[in-house]
C-alpha cells in the first residue's frame, strides 16, 4: 500500500511538473507577443505584423504598434548605485535607525544568519522599499530584484522610473525579457565578472505603450503566472 501511494504521488508530481513547464512555455510565447503586438482597446491581442503591417513601425527591438513610443531607458528612468559597507561597520541585529543590508549573498540565502547584516545609513538615495526595483550590475549581472527593503550594496542599481509613463510591473518584466537580458550581458562585457555601467544601462531600449495598455498586458501575463504558483 505504501509503495502504491508513493507511486501515485510520484506520478502526480511528474504530471504537475510537466504542466508547469507547459505554462512556462506558454508564458514565454505570450510575453513575446504582448511585448511586440500589445493589446487593442478591447483588450485583444493585435493582429501580427504579417497580417496587418500597417499597424506597426520598426524599433530597435523589432516591429511594434504605431501607438507605442520608441525610447531609451534614459528617457524614463534614473538610477542610484548602492554602498560598499565594510564588515566592521555592519551589525548582526536590527535596531533603531538600522536597515537590512541587501547583498547578493543575502538574496541567495535569506534565511542565513551568516549573510544577514544591518547598517546604520540615513541617505535615502541608497534605501529601497518593497515597491522599488533593483538591478544587479555586477555579479549575477542583469538580475532584477523586487519586494525587498533596506540599504542596497554597491553591486546594485535602484531603478527610479517615471510613474507617469511606466507601470512598475511592466518595467520589471521588460528588464527581465530575454532580448533585454542579452543586451545587458553584451554591454556588460565578457570579463570574468561582467559589469554594467550607468551609461550602458541608460542606452537599453524601452518600447513604451500607453500606461493603460501596459496594465492590460500585465493582467494577461499575471493570469498565466498564477498557474505557475505552487
C-alpha atoms as a PDB file:
ATOM      1  CA  UNK A   1       0.000   0.000   0.000  1.00  0.00           C
ATOM      2  CA  UNK A   2       2.849   2.369   0.884  1.00  0.00           C
ATOM      3  CA  UNK A   3       4.544   1.676  -2.450  1.00  0.00           C
ATOM      4  CA  UNK A   4       1.276   2.235  -4.309  1.00  0.00           C
ATOM      5  CA  UNK A   5       0.686   5.543  -2.548  1.00  0.00           C
ATOM      6  CA  UNK A   6       4.251   6.717  -3.224  1.00  0.00           C
ATOM      7  CA  UNK A   7       3.980   5.727  -6.873  1.00  0.00           C
ATOM      8  CA  UNK A   8       0.743   7.691  -7.160  1.00  0.00           C
ATOM      9  CA  UNK A   9       2.375  10.727  -5.554  1.00  0.00           C
ATOM     10  CA  UNK A  10       5.396  10.463  -7.875  1.00  0.00           C
ATOM     11  CA  UNK A  11       3.091  10.309 -10.892  1.00  0.00           C
ATOM     12  CA  UNK A  12       1.199  13.377  -9.699  1.00  0.00           C
ATOM     13  CA  UNK A  13       4.462  15.255  -9.196  1.00  0.00           C
ATOM     14  CA  UNK A  14       5.590  14.380 -12.727  1.00  0.00           C
ATOM     15  CA  UNK A  15       2.251  15.495 -14.164  1.00  0.00           C
ATOM     16  CA  UNK A  16       2.392  18.741 -12.195  1.00  0.00           C
ATOM     17  CA  UNK A  17       5.966  19.482 -13.295  1.00  0.00           C
ATOM     18  CA  UNK A  18       5.036  18.788 -16.925  1.00  0.00           C
ATOM     19  CA  UNK A  19       2.054  21.138 -16.609  1.00  0.00           C
ATOM     20  CA  UNK A  20       4.233  23.849 -15.074  1.00  0.00           C
ATOM     21  CA  UNK A  21       6.753  23.532 -17.927  1.00  0.00           C
ATOM     22  CA  UNK A  22       3.867  23.822 -20.386  1.00  0.00           C
ATOM     23  CA  UNK A  23       2.633  27.017 -18.707  1.00  0.00           C
ATOM     24  CA  UNK A  24       6.183  28.411 -18.650  1.00  0.00           C
ATOM     25  CA  UNK A  25       6.426  27.844 -22.393  1.00  0.00           C
ATOM     26  CA  UNK A  26       3.010  29.441 -22.895  1.00  0.00           C
ATOM     27  CA  UNK A  27       4.071  32.412 -20.771  1.00  0.00           C
ATOM     28  CA  UNK A  28       7.260  32.943 -22.790  1.00  0.00           C
ATOM     29  CA  UNK A  29       5.308  32.877 -26.027  1.00  0.00           C
ATOM     30  CA  UNK A  30       2.633  35.179 -24.656  1.00  0.00           C
ATOM     31  CA  UNK A  31       5.252  37.569 -23.283  1.00  0.00           C
ATOM     32  CA  UNK A  32       6.860  37.818 -26.712  1.00  0.00           C
ATOM     33  CA  UNK A  33       3.503  38.509 -28.364  1.00  0.00           C
ATOM     34  CA  UNK A  34       2.364  41.029 -25.762  1.00  0.00           C
ATOM     35  CA  UNK A  35       5.660  42.957 -25.832  1.00  0.00           C
ATOM     36  CA  UNK A  36       5.695  43.144 -29.628  1.00  0.00           C
ATOM     37  CA  UNK A  37       1.990  43.295 -30.528  1.00  0.00           C
ATOM     38  CA  UNK A  38       0.353  44.571 -27.358  1.00  0.00           C
ATOM     39  CA  UNK A  39      -3.427  44.662 -26.962  1.00  0.00           C
ATOM     40  CA  UNK A  40      -6.016  46.886 -28.588  1.00  0.00           C
ATOM     41  CA  UNK A  41      -8.675  48.973 -26.830  1.00  0.00           C
ATOM     42  CA  UNK A  42     -10.878  45.902 -26.408  1.00  0.00           C
ATOM     43  CA  UNK A  43      -8.076  44.016 -24.645  1.00  0.00           C
ATOM     44  CA  UNK A  44      -7.409  41.649 -27.535  1.00  0.00           C
ATOM     45  CA  UNK A  45      -4.015  40.831 -28.965  1.00  0.00           C
ATOM     46  CA  UNK A  46      -3.388  42.856 -32.101  1.00  0.00           C
ATOM     47  CA  UNK A  47      -3.034  41.027 -35.415  1.00  0.00           C
ATOM     48  CA  UNK A  48       0.551  40.071 -36.203  1.00  0.00           C
ATOM     49  CA  UNK A  49       2.767  42.275 -38.341  1.00  0.00           C
ATOM     50  CA  UNK A  50       2.487  39.743 -41.167  1.00  0.00           C
ATOM     51  CA  UNK A  51      -1.316  40.017 -41.104  1.00  0.00           C
ATOM     52  CA  UNK A  52      -1.548  43.786 -40.602  1.00  0.00           C
ATOM     53  CA  UNK A  53       1.752  45.566 -41.364  1.00  0.00           C
ATOM     54  CA  UNK A  54       0.046  48.975 -41.420  1.00  0.00           C
ATOM     55  CA  UNK A  55      -0.431  48.713 -37.619  1.00  0.00           C
ATOM     56  CA  UNK A  56       3.313  48.582 -36.934  1.00  0.00           C
ATOM     57  CA  UNK A  57       6.552  50.527 -37.067  1.00  0.00           C
ATOM     58  CA  UNK A  58      10.185  49.494 -36.729  1.00  0.00           C
ATOM     59  CA  UNK A  59      12.065  49.813 -33.419  1.00  0.00           C
ATOM     60  CA  UNK A  60      15.458  48.669 -32.038  1.00  0.00           C
ATOM     61  CA  UNK A  61      13.604  45.618 -30.704  1.00  0.00           C
ATOM     62  CA  UNK A  62      11.728  44.851 -33.911  1.00  0.00           C
ATOM     63  CA  UNK A  63       8.226  45.714 -35.082  1.00  0.00           C
ATOM     64  CA  UNK A  64       5.940  47.384 -32.526  1.00  0.00           C
ATOM     65  CA  UNK A  65       2.484  49.024 -32.669  1.00  0.00           C
ATOM     66  CA  UNK A  66       2.359  52.549 -34.075  1.00  0.00           C
ATOM     67  CA  UNK A  67       0.886  53.870 -30.824  1.00  0.00           C
ATOM     68  CA  UNK A  68       3.955  52.927 -28.802  1.00  0.00           C
ATOM     69  CA  UNK A  69       6.879  55.274 -28.110  1.00  0.00           C
ATOM     70  CA  UNK A  70      10.389  54.114 -29.028  1.00  0.00           C
ATOM     71  CA  UNK A  71      12.631  55.264 -26.170  1.00  0.00           C
ATOM     72  CA  UNK A  72      15.849  54.509 -24.372  1.00  0.00           C
ATOM     73  CA  UNK A  73      15.770  53.864 -20.636  1.00  0.00           C
ATOM     74  CA  UNK A  74      17.487  57.228 -20.141  1.00  0.00           C
ATOM     75  CA  UNK A  75      14.197  58.882 -21.098  1.00  0.00           C
ATOM     76  CA  UNK A  76      12.104  57.108 -18.470  1.00  0.00           C
ATOM     77  CA  UNK A  77      14.415  56.086 -15.608  1.00  0.00           C
ATOM     78  CA  UNK A  78      17.297  57.232 -13.476  1.00  0.00           C
ATOM     79  CA  UNK A  79      19.459  55.021 -11.289  1.00  0.00           C
ATOM     80  CA  UNK A  80      21.131  55.241  -7.908  1.00  0.00           C
ATOM     81  CA  UNK A  81      24.078  52.997  -7.116  1.00  0.00           C
ATOM     82  CA  UNK A  82      24.378  51.398  -3.669  1.00  0.00           C
ATOM     83  CA  UNK A  83      27.045  51.452  -0.989  1.00  0.00           C
ATOM     84  CA  UNK A  84      30.011  49.258  -0.171  1.00  0.00           C
ATOM     85  CA  UNK A  85      30.000  48.909   3.616  1.00  0.00           C
ATOM     86  CA  UNK A  86      32.983  47.418   5.417  1.00  0.00           C
ATOM     87  CA  UNK A  87      32.214  44.355   7.524  1.00  0.00           C
ATOM     88  CA  UNK A  88      33.456  46.217  10.591  1.00  0.00           C
ATOM     89  CA  UNK A  89      30.643  48.757  10.108  1.00  0.00           C
ATOM     90  CA  UNK A  90      27.861  46.150   9.805  1.00  0.00           C
ATOM     91  CA  UNK A  91      25.643  44.891  12.604  1.00  0.00           C
ATOM     92  CA  UNK A  92      24.283  41.421  13.228  1.00  0.00           C
ATOM     93  CA  UNK A  93      20.971  42.509  14.721  1.00  0.00           C
ATOM     94  CA  UNK A  94      18.334  45.091  13.818  1.00  0.00           C
ATOM     95  CA  UNK A  95      17.940  48.210  15.895  1.00  0.00           C
ATOM     96  CA  UNK A  96      16.920  51.877  15.838  1.00  0.00           C
ATOM     97  CA  UNK A  97      17.923  53.587  12.578  1.00  0.00           C
ATOM     98  CA  UNK A  98      19.269  50.316  11.187  1.00  0.00           C
ATOM     99  CA  UNK A  99      18.385  48.905   7.781  1.00  0.00           C
ATOM    100  CA  UNK A 100      18.771  45.443   6.332  1.00  0.00           C
ATOM    101  CA  UNK A 101      21.864  45.374   4.118  1.00  0.00           C
ATOM    102  CA  UNK A 102      20.847  43.928   0.738  1.00  0.00           C
ATOM    103  CA  UNK A 103      23.666  41.943  -0.853  1.00  0.00           C
ATOM    104  CA  UNK A 104      23.840  39.148  -3.424  1.00  0.00           C
ATOM    105  CA  UNK A 105      24.845  36.762  -0.648  1.00  0.00           C
ATOM    106  CA  UNK A 106      21.788  37.700   1.405  1.00  0.00           C
ATOM    107  CA  UNK A 107      19.409  37.303  -1.540  1.00  0.00           C
ATOM    108  CA  UNK A 108      20.866  33.894  -2.365  1.00  0.00           C
ATOM    109  CA  UNK A 109      20.019  32.685   1.133  1.00  0.00           C
ATOM    110  CA  UNK A 110      17.667  34.973   3.015  1.00  0.00           C
ATOM    111  CA  UNK A 111      17.479  32.553   5.943  1.00  0.00           C
ATOM    112  CA  UNK A 112      21.220  32.512   6.557  1.00  0.00           C
ATOM    113  CA  UNK A 113      22.305  34.390   9.678  1.00  0.00           C
ATOM    114  CA  UNK A 114      25.852  34.390   8.314  1.00  0.00           C
ATOM    115  CA  UNK A 115      24.861  36.614   5.376  1.00  0.00           C
ATOM    116  CA  UNK A 116      22.332  38.824   7.195  1.00  0.00           C
ATOM    117  CA  UNK A 117      23.633  42.234   8.236  1.00  0.00           C
ATOM    118  CA  UNK A 118      22.210  45.601   9.205  1.00  0.00           C
ATOM    119  CA  UNK A 119      23.742  49.010   8.769  1.00  0.00           C
ATOM    120  CA  UNK A 120      23.070  52.496  10.047  1.00  0.00           C
ATOM    121  CA  UNK A 121      22.515  54.642   6.979  1.00  0.00           C
ATOM    122  CA  UNK A 122      20.156  57.585   6.527  1.00  0.00           C
ATOM    123  CA  UNK A 123      20.947  58.584   2.928  1.00  0.00           C
ATOM    124  CA  UNK A 124      17.635  57.999   1.135  1.00  0.00           C
ATOM    125  CA  UNK A 125      19.346  57.527  -2.247  1.00  0.00           C
ATOM    126  CA  UNK A 126      20.613  54.087  -1.185  1.00  0.00           C
ATOM    127  CA  UNK A 127      17.480  52.990   0.672  1.00  0.00           C
ATOM    128  CA  UNK A 128      14.799  50.994  -1.122  1.00  0.00           C
ATOM    129  CA  UNK A 129      11.371  49.764  -0.089  1.00  0.00           C
ATOM    130  CA  UNK A 130       9.236  46.869  -1.298  1.00  0.00           C
ATOM    131  CA  UNK A 131       7.824  48.872  -4.202  1.00  0.00           C
ATOM    132  CA  UNK A 132      11.252  49.730  -5.660  1.00  0.00           C
ATOM    133  CA  UNK A 133      13.130  47.951  -8.452  1.00  0.00           C
ATOM    134  CA  UNK A 134      16.748  46.891  -8.052  1.00  0.00           C
ATOM    135  CA  UNK A 135      19.020  45.530 -10.772  1.00  0.00           C
ATOM    136  CA  UNK A 136      22.299  43.746 -10.169  1.00  0.00           C
ATOM    137  CA  UNK A 137      25.010  45.486 -12.174  1.00  0.00           C
ATOM    138  CA  UNK A 138      27.905  43.139 -11.352  1.00  0.00           C
ATOM    139  CA  UNK A 139      27.798  39.598 -10.002  1.00  0.00           C
ATOM    140  CA  UNK A 140      24.576  37.989 -11.326  1.00  0.00           C
ATOM    141  CA  UNK A 141      24.501  40.915 -13.743  1.00  0.00           C
ATOM    142  CA  UNK A 142      21.009  41.713 -15.018  1.00  0.00           C
ATOM    143  CA  UNK A 143      19.155  40.058 -12.144  1.00  0.00           C
ATOM    144  CA  UNK A 144      16.038  42.087 -11.286  1.00  0.00           C
ATOM    145  CA  UNK A 145      15.066  42.277  -7.604  1.00  0.00           C
ATOM    146  CA  UNK A 146      11.778  43.497  -6.134  1.00  0.00           C
ATOM    147  CA  UNK A 147       9.828  43.265  -2.883  1.00  0.00           C
ATOM    148  CA  UNK A 148      12.786  43.798  -0.574  1.00  0.00           C
ATOM    149  CA  UNK A 149      13.519  46.746   1.718  1.00  0.00           C
ATOM    150  CA  UNK A 150      16.787  48.060   3.122  1.00  0.00           C
ATOM    151  CA  UNK A 151      20.061  49.636   2.046  1.00  0.00           C
ATOM    152  CA  UNK A 152      21.444  48.086  -1.125  1.00  0.00           C
ATOM    153  CA  UNK A 153      25.026  47.131  -1.877  1.00  0.00           C
ATOM    154  CA  UNK A 154      27.260  48.810  -4.440  1.00  0.00           C
ATOM    155  CA  UNK A 155      26.564  45.913  -6.825  1.00  0.00           C
ATOM    156  CA  UNK A 156      23.003  47.165  -7.347  1.00  0.00           C
ATOM    157  CA  UNK A 157      21.229  49.958  -9.188  1.00  0.00           C
ATOM    158  CA  UNK A 158      17.933  51.254  -7.870  1.00  0.00           C
ATOM    159  CA  UNK A 159      15.800  51.863 -10.954  1.00  0.00           C
ATOM    160  CA  UNK A 160      13.752  55.017 -10.418  1.00  0.00           C
ATOM    161  CA  UNK A 161      11.160  55.030 -13.194  1.00  0.00           C
ATOM    162  CA  UNK A 162       8.833  57.798 -14.355  1.00  0.00           C
ATOM    163  CA  UNK A 163       5.486  56.730 -12.879  1.00  0.00           C
ATOM    164  CA  UNK A 164       3.669  58.995 -15.323  1.00  0.00           C
ATOM    165  CA  UNK A 165       4.901  56.874 -18.231  1.00  0.00           C
ATOM    166  CA  UNK A 166       5.569  53.382 -16.913  1.00  0.00           C
ATOM    167  CA  UNK A 167       3.791  50.793 -14.792  1.00  0.00           C
ATOM    168  CA  UNK A 168       6.096  49.121 -12.254  1.00  0.00           C
ATOM    169  CA  UNK A 169       5.372  45.507 -13.183  1.00  0.00           C
ATOM    170  CA  UNK A 170       5.642  46.306 -16.885  1.00  0.00           C
ATOM    171  CA  UNK A 171       9.081  47.846 -16.306  1.00  0.00           C
ATOM    172  CA  UNK A 172      10.169  44.840 -14.222  1.00  0.00           C
ATOM    173  CA  UNK A 173       9.037  42.386 -16.903  1.00  0.00           C
ATOM    174  CA  UNK A 174      10.657  44.449 -19.653  1.00  0.00           C
ATOM    175  CA  UNK A 175      14.002  44.285 -17.840  1.00  0.00           C
ATOM    176  CA  UNK A 176      13.604  40.515 -17.458  1.00  0.00           C
ATOM    177  CA  UNK A 177      12.889  39.881 -21.144  1.00  0.00           C
ATOM    178  CA  UNK A 178      15.395  37.603 -22.841  1.00  0.00           C
ATOM    179  CA  UNK A 179      16.207  40.198 -25.513  1.00  0.00           C
ATOM    180  CA  UNK A 180      16.994  42.822 -22.842  1.00  0.00           C
ATOM    181  CA  UNK A 181      18.980  40.378 -20.714  1.00  0.00           C
ATOM    182  CA  UNK A 182      21.091  39.512 -23.761  1.00  0.00           C
ATOM    183  CA  UNK A 183      21.776  43.199 -24.421  1.00  0.00           C
ATOM    184  CA  UNK A 184      22.734  43.668 -20.774  1.00  0.00           C
ATOM    185  CA  UNK A 185      25.301  40.897 -20.984  1.00  0.00           C
ATOM    186  CA  UNK A 186      26.610  42.252 -24.298  1.00  0.00           C
ATOM    187  CA  UNK A 187      27.034  45.715 -22.777  1.00  0.00           C
ATOM    188  CA  UNK A 188      28.487  44.401 -19.514  1.00  0.00           C
ATOM    189  CA  UNK A 189      31.361  42.759 -21.352  1.00  0.00           C
ATOM    190  CA  UNK A 190      32.954  39.344 -21.425  1.00  0.00           C
ATOM    191  CA  UNK A 191      35.304  39.729 -18.450  1.00  0.00           C
ATOM    192  CA  UNK A 192      35.317  37.211 -15.597  1.00  0.00           C
ATOM    193  CA  UNK A 193      32.801  39.364 -13.727  1.00  0.00           C
ATOM    194  CA  UNK A 194      30.617  41.349 -16.188  1.00  0.00           C
ATOM    195  CA  UNK A 195      29.947  44.908 -15.012  1.00  0.00           C
ATOM    196  CA  UNK A 196      27.077  47.045 -16.317  1.00  0.00           C
ATOM    197  CA  UNK A 197      27.812  50.766 -16.052  1.00  0.00           C
ATOM    198  CA  UNK A 198      25.346  53.658 -15.885  1.00  0.00           C
ATOM    199  CA  UNK A 199      25.828  54.737 -19.489  1.00  0.00           C
ATOM    200  CA  UNK A 200      25.169  51.281 -20.914  1.00  0.00           C
ATOM    201  CA  UNK A 201      22.152  50.737 -18.699  1.00  0.00           C
ATOM    202  CA  UNK A 202      20.647  54.023 -19.897  1.00  0.00           C
ATOM    203  CA  UNK A 203      21.042  53.100 -23.564  1.00  0.00           C
ATOM    204  CA  UNK A 204      18.935  49.954 -23.236  1.00  0.00           C
ATOM    205  CA  UNK A 205      15.827  50.294 -25.437  1.00  0.00           C
ATOM    206  CA  UNK A 206      12.343  50.645 -23.987  1.00  0.00           C
ATOM    207  CA  UNK A 207       9.250  50.344 -26.157  1.00  0.00           C
ATOM    208  CA  UNK A 208       6.626  52.241 -24.198  1.00  0.00           C
ATOM    209  CA  UNK A 209       2.900  51.569 -24.693  1.00  0.00           C
ATOM    210  CA  UNK A 210       0.302  53.881 -23.107  1.00  0.00           C
ATOM    211  CA  UNK A 211       0.005  53.175 -19.376  1.00  0.00           C
ATOM    212  CA  UNK A 212      -3.474  51.703 -19.716  1.00  0.00           C
ATOM    213  CA  UNK A 213      -2.172  49.211 -22.253  1.00  0.00           C
ATOM    214  CA  UNK A 214       0.768  48.344 -20.011  1.00  0.00           C
ATOM    215  CA  UNK A 215      -1.726  47.460 -17.270  1.00  0.00           C
ATOM    216  CA  UNK A 216      -3.743  45.273 -19.646  1.00  0.00           C
ATOM    217  CA  UNK A 217      -0.595  43.495 -20.815  1.00  0.00           C
ATOM    218  CA  UNK A 218       0.441  42.717 -17.252  1.00  0.00           C
ATOM    219  CA  UNK A 219      -3.015  41.453 -16.304  1.00  0.00           C
ATOM    220  CA  UNK A 220      -2.760  38.852 -19.063  1.00  0.00           C
ATOM    221  CA  UNK A 221       0.743  37.798 -18.036  1.00  0.00           C
ATOM    222  CA  UNK A 222      -0.258  37.625 -14.370  1.00  0.00           C
ATOM    223  CA  UNK A 223      -3.119  35.297 -15.265  1.00  0.00           C
ATOM    224  CA  UNK A 224      -0.570  32.856 -16.698  1.00  0.00           C
ATOM    225  CA  UNK A 225       1.818  33.390 -13.770  1.00  0.00           C
ATOM    226  CA  UNK A 226      -0.928  32.431 -11.318  1.00  0.00           C
ATOM    227  CA  UNK A 227      -0.990  28.988 -12.938  1.00  0.00           C
ATOM    228  CA  UNK A 228       2.719  28.575 -12.098  1.00  0.00           C
ATOM    229  CA  UNK A 229       2.254  29.152  -8.379  1.00  0.00           C
ATOM    230  CA  UNK A 230       2.507  26.006  -6.300  1.00  0.00           C
END
